[in-house]
Amino acid sequence: MSAAAAEHPWDGPPESQLEAADSVMERLPGYRVEIIGGVIAVTPPADGAHARPIKKLTRSFEDAGLDEGESEVYQGIGVWLPAGPGGFAIPDLSLVDADFEDHLMHNKCYDPAVFRLVLEVTSSNYQQDLRSKVTAYAEAKIPVYLIVDRKHGRLHVLTEPVAGDYTSHRIHAPGEQVVLPDSIGAEVKVDVSALLKAGEPRKAT
């Protein structure tokens, strides 16, 4: 992941960080642009290996009935981060309350209170997913943060956000069957081996 510097015309006031992020989005369509911990982060479009664990978890949530009724599952919606001016993130996958559109905040992002769970699948920016986003999502009080850690071959389940960190951080290895917290609204069991296998690049034949 790279940081984008804010640019502004010499004859006018400097851009705000949000304006700078919007400028980057305009220059790099298809890239994910976020402001995490006061830094503009730019992520290139994901490949298939990154997308497959997201697809697998989406199906698990749908099979559990979490994409209808009181909750819905989405990729690519923004969560407004309360810490610092203008912070926001775009998780790889989000489980949100069904009325989330009634809670639009700023910059097309939604109140973190409507997010039941967020998921990140690591890529070259794995340190951000494992560090700064842990702090950002905990400060936003998002109840459950899942990380499919392809770099180290494990699944992180973080719960109980308090004071910029999660007091429960469980790390699961291949071979484990993990039941996600009841707070998401239904029982969802995750096969760690299958999830990590889905995230492996396929060899060309």
Protein backbone atom coordinates (compact mmCIF):
# COMPACT_ATOMS: atom_id res chain seq x y z
CA MET A 1 0.00 0.00 0.00
CA SER A 2 1.27 3.47 -0.79
CA ALA A 3 0.58 6.86 0.71
CA ALA A 4 -0.59 9.63 -1.58
CA ALA A 5 0.65 13.14 -0.91
CA ALA A 6 -1.86 15.96 -0.96
CA GLU A 7 -1.43 18.37 -3.85
CA HIS A 8 -2.85 21.86 -4.20
CA PRO A 9 -2.55 24.86 -6.53
CA TRP A 10 0.08 27.41 -5.55
CA ASP A 11 -2.39 30.29 -5.79
CA GLY A 12 -5.00 28.83 -3.44
CA PRO A 13 -5.39 27.30 -0.01
CA PRO A 14 -4.10 23.77 0.55
CA GLU A 15 -6.55 20.94 0.01
CA SER A 16 -8.07 19.23 2.98
CA GLN A 17 -7.13 15.58 3.36
CA LEU A 18 -10.58 14.57 2.15
CA GLU A 19 -10.17 16.74 -0.94
CA ALA A 20 -6.75 15.23 -1.56
CA ALA A 21 -8.22 11.73 -1.25
CA ASP A 22 -10.97 12.65 -3.73
CA SER A 23 -8.31 13.92 -6.15
CA VAL A 24 -6.45 10.62 -5.91
CA MET A 25 -9.69 8.71 -6.61
CA GLU A 26 -10.25 10.79 -9.74
CA ARG A 27 -6.70 10.15 -10.98
CA LEU A 28 -6.76 6.43 -10.18
CA PRO A 29 -10.18 4.98 -10.99
CA GLY A 30 -10.57 1.44 -9.71
CA TYR A 31 -8.12 1.93 -6.83
CA ARG A 32 -9.29 1.88 -3.22
CA VAL A 33 -8.49 5.15 -1.45
CA GLU A 34 -8.83 5.44 2.34
CA ILE A 35 -7.68 7.73 5.15
CA ILE A 36 -6.42 5.58 8.02
CA GLY A 37 -4.73 7.17 11.02
CA GLY A 38 -4.25 10.45 9.19
CA VAL A 39 -2.58 8.82 6.16
CA ILE A 40 -4.06 8.55 2.67
CA ALA A 41 -3.67 4.94 1.62
CA VAL A 42 -4.06 3.77 -1.98
CA THR A 43 -4.60 0.11 -2.85
CA PRO A 44 -4.55 -1.24 -6.42
CA PRO A 45 -7.44 -3.36 -7.71
CA ALA A 46 -7.58 -6.84 -6.17
CA ASP A 47 -6.76 -10.04 -8.03
CA GLY A 48 -8.77 -13.26 -8.06
CA ALA A 49 -6.87 -14.83 -5.17
CA HIS A 50 -7.79 -11.87 -2.99
CA ALA A 51 -11.44 -11.97 -4.06
CA ARG A 52 -12.11 -15.68 -3.47
CA PRO A 53 -12.08 -15.64 0.38
CA ILE A 54 -14.45 -12.67 0.25
CA LYS A 55 -16.79 -14.61 -2.03
CA LYS A 56 -16.62 -17.67 0.25
CA LEU A 57 -17.48 -15.65 3.38
CA THR A 58 -20.25 -13.82 1.55
CA ARG A 59 -21.85 -17.16 0.78
CA SER A 60 -21.52 -18.26 4.42
CA PHE A 61 -23.28 -15.10 5.58
CA GLU A 62 -26.00 -15.53 2.97
CA ASP A 63 -26.53 -19.19 3.90
CA ALA A 64 -26.95 -18.11 7.54
CA GLY A 65 -29.69 -15.66 6.55
CA LEU A 66 -27.61 -12.57 7.28
CA ASP A 67 -28.19 -10.96 3.88
CA GLU A 68 -31.90 -10.49 4.38
CA GLY A 69 -34.16 -9.13 7.08
CA GLU A 70 -32.27 -7.21 9.75
CA SER A 71 -28.80 -7.25 8.15
CA GLU A 72 -27.13 -7.14 4.74
CA VAL A 73 -23.70 -8.03 3.33
CA TYR A 74 -21.76 -5.70 1.03
CA GLN A 75 -18.39 -5.15 -0.56
CA GLY A 76 -16.99 -1.67 -1.10
CA ILE A 77 -19.06 0.49 1.26
CA GLY A 78 -17.27 3.07 3.37
CA VAL A 79 -17.21 3.36 7.14
CA TRP A 80 -16.64 6.80 8.66
CA LEU A 81 -13.88 6.70 11.28
CA PRO A 82 -14.48 9.02 14.25
CA ALA A 83 -10.83 9.42 15.28
CA GLY A 84 -9.08 12.31 13.56
CA PRO A 85 -10.44 14.69 10.92
CA GLY A 86 -11.91 13.03 7.88
CA GLY A 87 -10.89 9.42 8.35
CA PHE A 88 -12.66 6.64 6.50
CA ALA A 89 -12.06 3.05 5.41
CA ILE A 90 -13.54 0.74 2.80
CA PRO A 91 -13.45 -2.81 4.18
CA ASP A 92 -13.22 -5.74 1.79
CA LEU A 93 -16.54 -7.00 3.17
CA SER A 94 -19.04 -5.56 5.63
CA LEU A 95 -22.01 -6.96 7.51
CA VAL A 96 -24.32 -4.04 8.29
CA ASP A 97 -27.75 -3.31 9.72
CA ALA A 98 -30.42 -3.31 7.02
CA ASP A 99 -31.19 0.38 7.61
CA PHE A 100 -27.56 1.47 7.11
CA GLU A 101 -28.51 3.90 4.33
CA ASP A 102 -30.39 5.98 6.92
CA HIS A 103 -27.04 6.60 8.62
CA LEU A 104 -24.98 8.30 5.93
CA MET A 105 -22.22 10.43 7.48
CA HIS A 106 -19.67 12.12 5.21
CA ASN A 107 -17.90 11.42 1.92
CA LYS A 108 -20.39 8.64 1.04
CA CYS A 109 -19.46 6.75 4.22
CA TYR A 110 -21.74 5.39 6.92
CA ASP A 111 -21.90 5.60 10.70
CA PRO A 112 -19.73 2.83 12.21
CA ALA A 113 -22.60 2.04 14.59
CA VAL A 114 -24.41 0.18 11.77
CA PHE A 115 -21.47 -2.16 11.08
CA ARG A 116 -21.71 -5.55 12.79
CA LEU A 117 -18.55 -6.96 11.24
CA VAL A 118 -15.81 -5.91 8.84
CA LEU A 119 -13.40 -8.16 6.96
CA GLU A 120 -10.01 -7.52 5.41
CA VAL A 121 -8.07 -9.99 3.27
CA THR A 122 -4.36 -9.19 3.38
CA SER A 123 -2.28 -8.44 0.32
CA SER A 124 0.86 -6.34 -0.02
CA ASN A 125 -0.58 -3.95 2.60
CA TYR A 126 -0.84 -6.66 5.27
CA GLN A 127 0.82 -4.52 7.95
CA GLN A 128 -1.94 -1.94 7.64
CA ASP A 129 -4.65 -4.58 8.02
CA LEU A 130 -2.88 -6.06 11.07
CA ARG A 131 -1.96 -2.78 12.78
CA SER A 132 -3.45 0.59 11.83
CA LYS A 133 -6.82 -0.82 10.81
CA VAL A 134 -7.03 -2.70 14.10
CA THR A 135 -6.74 0.64 15.89
CA ALA A 136 -9.09 2.42 13.48
CA TYR A 137 -11.87 -0.17 13.65
CA ALA A 138 -11.55 -0.48 17.42
CA GLU A 139 -11.79 3.29 17.84
CA ALA A 140 -14.93 3.14 15.66
CA LYS A 141 -16.26 0.43 18.03
CA ILE A 142 -16.97 -2.06 15.26
CA PRO A 143 -17.83 -5.22 17.22
CA VAL A 144 -16.07 -7.82 15.06
CA TYR A 145 -13.03 -7.47 12.82
CA LEU A 146 -11.94 -10.48 10.77
CA ILE A 147 -8.58 -10.67 9.02
CA VAL A 148 -7.79 -13.38 6.50
CA ASP A 149 -4.02 -13.23 6.93
CA ARG A 150 -2.67 -14.74 3.74
CA LYS A 151 0.86 -13.58 4.58
CA HIS A 152 1.11 -15.78 7.71
CA GLY A 153 -1.57 -18.36 6.92
CA ARG A 154 -4.10 -17.74 9.67
CA LEU A 155 -7.43 -16.15 10.54
CA HIS A 156 -7.70 -13.36 13.11
CA VAL A 157 -10.98 -12.80 14.96
CA LEU A 158 -10.97 -9.54 16.95
CA THR A 159 -13.83 -8.62 19.28
CA GLU A 160 -14.63 -6.36 22.26
CA PRO A 161 -13.26 -3.00 21.09
CA VAL A 162 -12.04 -0.74 23.91
CA ALA A 163 -9.86 2.40 23.76
CA GLY A 164 -8.40 1.88 20.30
CA ASP A 165 -7.78 -1.86 20.57
CA TYR A 166 -9.65 -5.15 20.72
CA THR A 167 -9.45 -6.86 24.09
CA SER A 168 -10.08 -10.24 22.48
CA HIS A 169 -7.77 -11.19 19.61
CA ARG A 170 -7.94 -14.86 18.69
CA ILE A 171 -5.66 -16.31 16.02
CA HIS A 172 -6.78 -19.49 14.27
CA ALA A 173 -4.63 -21.86 12.23
CA PRO A 174 -5.50 -24.15 9.31
CA GLY A 175 -7.46 -27.19 10.47
CA GLU A 176 -9.62 -25.22 12.90
CA GLN A 177 -13.36 -24.70 12.63
CA VAL A 178 -14.26 -21.27 13.98
CA VAL A 179 -17.73 -20.15 15.04
CA LEU A 180 -18.05 -16.39 14.65
CA PRO A 181 -19.46 -14.32 17.54
CA ASP A 182 -23.22 -14.45 18.14
CA SER A 183 -23.34 -10.66 17.96
CA ILE A 184 -23.39 -10.77 14.15
CA GLY A 185 -26.94 -12.16 14.30
CA ALA A 186 -26.64 -15.85 13.37
CA GLU A 187 -24.32 -18.79 13.73
CA VAL A 188 -21.60 -18.83 11.08
CA LYS A 189 -18.90 -21.50 11.09
CA VAL A 190 -15.66 -20.87 9.21
CA ASP A 191 -13.30 -23.57 7.95
CA VAL A 192 -9.91 -21.85 8.28
CA SER A 193 -8.14 -24.23 5.88
CA ALA A 194 -10.75 -23.73 3.17
CA LEU A 195 -10.70 -19.97 3.59
CA LEU A 196 -6.92 -19.73 3.34
CA LYS A 197 -6.84 -22.18 0.44
CA ALA A 198 -9.29 -19.96 -1.42
CA GLY A 199 -6.85 -17.07 -1.04
CA GLU A 200 -3.91 -18.87 -2.66
CA PRO A 201 -3.00 -17.86 -6.23
CA ARG A 202 -3.83 -20.55 -8.75
CA LYS A 203 -0.96 -21.86 -10.81
CA ALA A 204 -1.23 -21.43 -14.56
CA THR A 205 -1.80 -24.70 -16.43
